[in-house]
């Protein structure tokens, strides 16, 4: 079915004019009423700086924070989707035991503040599990190439434990919401699809893989996009355990430069780029899946 092309209506123009007028009014209030001196010329040096040794432009504080946020978001989306899918399947299982495990996980994560969960995982993982795994010792004794590879994919070896703790916290917390999205997607598939698969003598695994999940995934993509965007925004909370992501770097720069508005507007735009990119990517995937079924 062809989608109708959207047209700009007079109401759209009026709303845009109102938004633009509100933006101009805010800028006027900040500039005139608060007598704020804008210093946008200083901001680019906190994005990139020239290395004195090589003469090349390299990422500075804000871009380093953006890359850390990007790593947290990418790995967080992968792990949260994995947790959510597994628990979503358990939520729809015929076994009461499996359903209770998944429901306990969902209720626990959804009813605890993420800040508390971060502290629990940070002190527990960093102090108990990480020494047992030996990740810090492995990274300290590994070659510079291995350390650089780990830093590119995750974080500098010096903050490996804190980064992994933050990553698992985000993944498990967001995975609880993805669990309910997956459960709702599976349960939205018509009962006749299950009955048809049963009539064809398909196993539950093959029914889920070839019939139910392909239909459920397309239906839950919009909700997943919203949850992925939420994960990107929620990644800012890990700054509380000194993960040098975008919000943490912004806080440090604001304290040292006092460029409050410029820094936070820049950070807002950087977050907007991340979230819009995620939204567009999921939208393209949804369109592709819809066309492939035609």
Protein backbone atom coordinates (compact mmCIF):
# COMPACT_ATOMS: atom_id res chain seq x y z
CA UNK A 1 0.00 0.00 0.00
CA UNK A 2 1.48 3.34 -1.06
CA UNK A 3 1.83 5.98 1.60
CA UNK A 4 0.38 9.39 0.92
CA UNK A 5 2.86 12.22 0.60
CA UNK A 6 2.69 14.60 3.51
CA UNK A 7 1.85 18.21 2.72
CA UNK A 8 2.60 21.37 4.67
CA UNK A 9 -0.64 22.87 5.90
CA UNK A 10 -1.30 26.44 7.13
CA UNK A 11 -1.51 25.04 10.66
CA UNK A 12 2.00 23.64 10.32
CA UNK A 13 3.28 27.06 9.27
CA UNK A 14 1.55 28.73 12.21
CA UNK A 15 3.02 26.23 14.65
CA UNK A 16 6.52 26.71 13.19
CA UNK A 17 6.17 30.48 13.50
CA UNK A 18 5.06 30.11 17.13
CA UNK A 19 8.03 27.86 17.90
CA UNK A 20 10.42 30.23 16.17
CA UNK A 21 8.94 33.19 18.04
CA UNK A 22 9.33 31.33 21.35
CA UNK A 23 12.95 30.54 20.51
CA UNK A 24 13.68 34.19 19.66
CA UNK A 25 11.98 35.31 22.87
CA UNK A 26 14.11 32.96 24.99
CA UNK A 27 17.30 34.17 23.31
CA UNK A 28 16.22 37.77 23.90
CA UNK A 29 15.53 37.12 27.59
CA UNK A 30 18.92 35.46 28.07
CA UNK A 31 20.86 38.09 26.13
CA UNK A 32 19.13 41.29 27.25
CA UNK A 33 17.44 40.56 30.55
CA UNK A 34 20.18 38.36 32.00
CA UNK A 35 22.94 40.31 30.22
CA UNK A 36 24.51 37.02 29.17
CA UNK A 37 27.67 37.25 27.03
CA UNK A 38 27.61 34.52 24.42
CA UNK A 39 31.00 32.91 23.72
CA UNK A 40 30.32 30.38 21.00
CA UNK A 41 33.80 30.87 19.54
CA UNK A 42 35.29 28.97 22.47
CA UNK A 43 33.16 25.83 22.03
CA UNK A 44 34.92 24.31 18.94
CA UNK A 45 38.18 23.89 20.86
CA UNK A 46 36.38 21.54 23.27
CA UNK A 47 35.18 19.42 20.35
CA UNK A 48 38.55 18.97 18.62
CA UNK A 49 42.07 20.12 19.38
CA UNK A 50 45.35 20.01 17.51
CA UNK A 51 47.86 17.55 18.90
CA UNK A 52 51.16 19.31 19.62
CA UNK A 53 53.25 16.23 18.72
CA UNK A 54 51.58 15.04 15.51
CA UNK A 55 49.93 18.27 14.41
CA UNK A 56 46.68 16.41 13.76
CA UNK A 57 43.22 17.29 14.97
CA UNK A 58 42.08 14.87 17.66
CA UNK A 59 38.85 14.63 19.71
CA UNK A 60 38.70 16.81 22.79
CA UNK A 61 36.49 16.59 25.89
CA UNK A 62 33.04 16.80 24.29
CA UNK A 63 33.81 14.45 21.41
CA UNK A 64 35.48 12.00 23.79
CA UNK A 65 32.33 12.08 25.89
CA UNK A 66 30.22 11.57 22.76
CA UNK A 67 32.26 8.50 21.77
CA UNK A 68 31.87 7.05 25.28
CA UNK A 69 28.12 7.65 25.14
CA UNK A 70 28.06 6.04 21.70
CA UNK A 71 29.87 2.95 22.97
CA UNK A 72 27.54 2.70 25.96
CA UNK A 73 24.52 3.09 23.71
CA UNK A 74 25.57 0.56 21.07
CA UNK A 75 26.58 -2.17 23.51
CA UNK A 76 23.68 -1.29 25.77
CA UNK A 77 21.18 -1.70 22.92
CA UNK A 78 22.69 -5.08 21.98
CA UNK A 79 22.70 -6.45 25.53
CA UNK A 80 19.34 -4.94 26.49
CA UNK A 81 17.76 -6.45 23.37
CA UNK A 82 19.30 -9.81 24.23
CA UNK A 83 18.05 -9.68 27.84
CA UNK A 84 14.66 -8.39 26.78
CA UNK A 85 14.18 -11.02 24.06
CA UNK A 86 15.12 -13.92 26.33
CA UNK A 87 12.95 -12.66 29.17
CA UNK A 88 10.13 -11.83 26.76
CA UNK A 89 10.14 -15.43 25.54
CA UNK A 90 10.09 -16.61 29.14
CA UNK A 91 7.16 -14.28 29.84
CA UNK A 92 5.13 -16.08 27.17
CA UNK A 93 6.25 -19.57 28.17
CA UNK A 94 3.77 -22.21 29.25
CA UNK A 95 5.96 -22.94 32.28
CA UNK A 96 4.84 -21.09 35.41
CA UNK A 97 8.39 -21.22 36.74
CA UNK A 98 9.82 -19.44 33.70
CA UNK A 99 7.04 -16.86 33.71
CA UNK A 100 7.64 -16.10 37.39
CA UNK A 101 11.38 -15.65 36.80
CA UNK A 102 10.77 -13.19 33.96
CA UNK A 103 8.04 -11.33 35.83
CA UNK A 104 10.19 -11.02 38.96
CA UNK A 105 12.98 -9.55 36.84
CA UNK A 106 10.63 -7.07 35.17
CA UNK A 107 8.94 -5.95 38.38
CA UNK A 108 12.24 -5.58 40.22
CA UNK A 109 13.89 -3.49 37.52
CA UNK A 110 10.84 -1.32 36.79
CA UNK A 111 10.16 -0.50 40.43
CA UNK A 112 13.68 0.45 41.50
CA UNK A 113 15.26 3.83 40.68
CA UNK A 114 18.06 3.41 38.12
CA UNK A 115 20.41 5.40 40.36
CA UNK A 116 20.11 2.78 43.10
CA UNK A 117 20.60 -0.02 40.59
CA UNK A 118 23.76 1.68 39.32
CA UNK A 119 25.25 1.91 42.80
CA UNK A 120 24.38 -1.72 43.58
CA UNK A 121 25.92 -3.02 40.37
CA UNK A 122 28.90 -0.69 40.55
CA UNK A 123 29.98 -1.68 44.04
CA UNK A 124 29.02 -5.33 43.59
CA UNK A 125 30.47 -5.89 40.13
CA UNK A 126 33.56 -3.75 40.67
CA UNK A 127 34.41 -5.12 44.10
CA UNK A 128 33.30 -8.73 43.79
CA UNK A 129 32.84 -10.04 40.26
CA UNK A 130 35.54 -8.09 38.39
CA UNK A 131 38.45 -9.30 40.61
CA UNK A 132 37.10 -12.83 40.22
CA UNK A 133 37.00 -12.52 36.43
CA UNK A 134 40.42 -10.87 36.43
CA UNK A 135 39.61 -8.32 33.73
CA UNK A 136 41.73 -5.54 35.24
CA UNK A 137 44.74 -7.84 35.71
CA UNK A 138 44.36 -9.14 32.16
CA UNK A 139 44.27 -5.64 30.71
CA UNK A 140 47.24 -4.47 32.79
CA UNK A 141 49.37 -7.40 31.62
CA UNK A 142 48.19 -7.34 28.01
CA UNK A 143 50.03 -5.79 25.09
CA UNK A 144 49.51 -2.14 24.11
CA UNK A 145 47.67 -3.31 21.00
CA UNK A 146 45.17 -5.27 23.09
CA UNK A 147 44.67 -2.34 25.44
CA UNK A 148 44.09 0.01 22.50
CA UNK A 149 41.62 -2.45 20.95
CA UNK A 150 39.70 -2.65 24.23
CA UNK A 151 39.71 1.14 24.51
CA UNK A 152 38.29 1.55 20.99
CA UNK A 153 35.49 -0.94 21.62
CA UNK A 154 34.74 -0.16 25.26
CA UNK A 155 36.79 2.20 27.44
CA UNK A 156 40.31 2.89 28.66
CA UNK A 157 41.63 -0.04 30.74
CA UNK A 158 41.90 2.23 33.80
CA UNK A 159 38.09 2.53 33.99
CA UNK A 160 37.19 -0.89 32.60
CA UNK A 161 35.41 -2.10 35.76
CA UNK A 162 33.32 1.05 36.08
CA UNK A 163 32.42 0.99 32.37
CA UNK A 164 31.35 -2.68 32.43
CA UNK A 165 29.31 -2.03 35.59
CA UNK A 166 27.57 0.92 33.93
CA UNK A 167 26.98 -1.07 30.76
CA UNK A 168 25.36 -3.99 32.56
CA UNK A 169 23.27 -1.64 34.66
CA UNK A 170 21.88 0.11 31.60
CA UNK A 171 21.33 -3.16 29.77
CA UNK A 172 19.52 -4.92 32.59
CA UNK A 173 17.42 -1.87 33.47
CA UNK A 174 16.35 -1.16 29.88
CA UNK A 175 16.00 -4.87 29.18
CA UNK A 176 13.07 -5.02 31.60
CA UNK A 177 11.09 -2.61 29.42
CA UNK A 178 12.12 -4.43 26.23
CA UNK A 179 10.87 -7.63 27.87
CA UNK A 180 7.36 -6.23 28.03
CA UNK A 181 7.62 -4.92 24.47
CA UNK A 182 8.65 -8.37 23.21
CA UNK A 183 5.90 -10.03 25.25
CA UNK A 184 3.28 -7.67 23.84
CA UNK A 185 4.58 -8.24 20.30
CA UNK A 186 4.39 -12.00 20.62
CA UNK A 187 0.93 -11.94 22.19
CA UNK A 188 -0.34 -9.60 19.46
CA UNK A 189 0.08 -12.32 16.82
CA UNK A 190 -3.28 -13.87 16.09
CA UNK A 191 -4.11 -17.18 17.70
CA UNK A 192 -4.82 -18.65 14.28
CA UNK A 193 -1.08 -18.40 13.46
CA UNK A 194 -0.28 -20.70 16.37
CA UNK A 195 -3.03 -23.08 15.39
CA UNK A 196 -1.84 -23.20 11.78
CA UNK A 197 1.71 -23.96 12.91
CA UNK A 198 0.40 -26.70 15.20
CA UNK A 199 -1.59 -28.17 12.31
CA UNK A 200 1.63 -28.31 10.26
CA UNK A 201 3.29 -30.22 13.14
CA UNK A 202 5.90 -27.51 13.67
CA UNK A 203 7.79 -27.52 16.93
CA UNK A 204 7.46 -24.57 19.27
CA UNK A 205 10.95 -23.40 18.35
CA UNK A 206 10.24 -23.46 14.60
CA UNK A 207 6.84 -21.84 15.15
CA UNK A 208 8.44 -19.03 17.11
CA UNK A 209 11.35 -18.58 14.71
CA UNK A 210 9.62 -18.77 11.34
CA UNK A 211 6.05 -17.63 12.04
CA UNK A 212 5.56 -15.69 15.27
CA UNK A 213 8.76 -13.65 15.69
CA UNK A 214 8.91 -12.31 12.09
CA UNK A 215 5.42 -10.89 12.54
CA UNK A 216 6.03 -9.71 16.11
CA UNK A 217 9.28 -7.92 15.28
CA UNK A 218 7.66 -5.68 12.69
CA UNK A 219 4.89 -4.75 15.14
CA UNK A 220 7.21 -3.94 18.03
CA UNK A 221 9.83 -1.95 16.08
CA UNK A 222 8.25 1.48 16.83
CA UNK A 223 8.16 0.69 20.55
CA UNK A 224 11.72 -0.62 20.41
CA UNK A 225 12.87 2.59 18.73
CA UNK A 226 11.44 4.58 21.62
CA UNK A 227 13.18 2.32 24.13
CA UNK A 228 16.51 2.55 22.31
CA UNK A 229 16.23 6.34 22.37
CA UNK A 230 15.42 6.15 26.07
CA UNK A 231 18.55 4.07 26.62
CA UNK A 232 20.70 6.68 24.89
CA UNK A 233 19.27 9.41 27.11
CA UNK A 234 19.44 7.27 30.26
CA UNK A 235 23.14 6.67 29.65
CA UNK A 236 23.74 10.13 31.15
CA UNK A 237 22.97 8.75 34.61
CA UNK A 238 26.18 6.70 34.69
CA UNK A 239 28.10 9.95 35.09
CA UNK A 240 27.33 9.53 38.80
CA UNK A 241 30.03 6.82 38.96
CA UNK A 242 32.51 9.01 37.02
CA UNK A 243 32.04 7.43 33.60
CA UNK A 244 33.33 10.16 31.32
CA UNK A 245 30.39 10.19 28.94
CA UNK A 246 28.88 13.28 27.36
CA UNK A 247 26.99 14.65 30.37
CA UNK A 248 29.97 14.09 32.69
CA UNK A 249 32.29 15.97 30.36
CA UNK A 250 29.76 18.78 30.07
CA UNK A 251 29.53 19.09 33.83
CA UNK A 252 33.31 19.28 34.16
CA UNK A 253 33.62 21.88 31.41
CA UNK A 254 30.80 23.97 32.85
CA UNK A 255 32.50 24.02 36.25
CA UNK A 256 35.82 25.14 34.76
CA UNK A 257 34.69 27.54 32.04
CA UNK A 258 31.30 28.83 33.29
CA UNK A 259 29.96 28.58 29.73
CA UNK A 260 26.74 27.07 31.01
CA UNK A 261 24.30 27.72 28.19
CA UNK A 262 26.70 27.21 25.27
CA UNK A 263 27.95 23.89 26.61
CA UNK A 264 24.54 22.45 27.40
CA UNK A 265 23.06 23.59 24.08
CA UNK A 266 25.97 21.88 22.32
CA UNK A 267 25.46 18.70 24.35
CA UNK A 268 21.73 18.78 23.65
CA UNK A 269 22.41 18.96 19.93
CA UNK A 270 24.86 16.05 20.18
CA UNK A 271 22.28 13.93 22.00
CA UNK A 272 19.72 14.97 19.40
CA UNK A 273 21.98 13.69 16.62
CA UNK A 274 22.30 10.32 18.37
CA UNK A 275 18.59 9.90 19.07
CA UNK A 276 17.45 11.08 15.64
CA UNK A 277 19.95 8.73 13.98
CA UNK A 278 18.53 5.85 16.00
CA UNK A 279 14.97 6.83 15.13
CA UNK A 280 15.76 7.14 11.41
CA UNK A 281 17.63 3.81 11.35
CA UNK A 282 14.74 1.95 12.98
CA UNK A 283 12.28 3.70 10.65
CA UNK A 284 14.30 2.56 7.62
CA UNK A 285 14.36 -0.99 8.99
CA UNK A 286 10.62 -0.92 9.54
CA UNK A 287 10.03 0.27 5.97
CA UNK A 288 12.36 -2.39 4.59
CA UNK A 289 10.60 -5.15 6.51
CA UNK A 290 7.19 -3.89 5.39
CA UNK A 291 8.29 -3.91 1.73
CA UNK A 292 9.83 -7.38 2.01
CA UNK A 293 6.46 -8.79 3.08
CA UNK A 294 4.59 -7.35 0.10
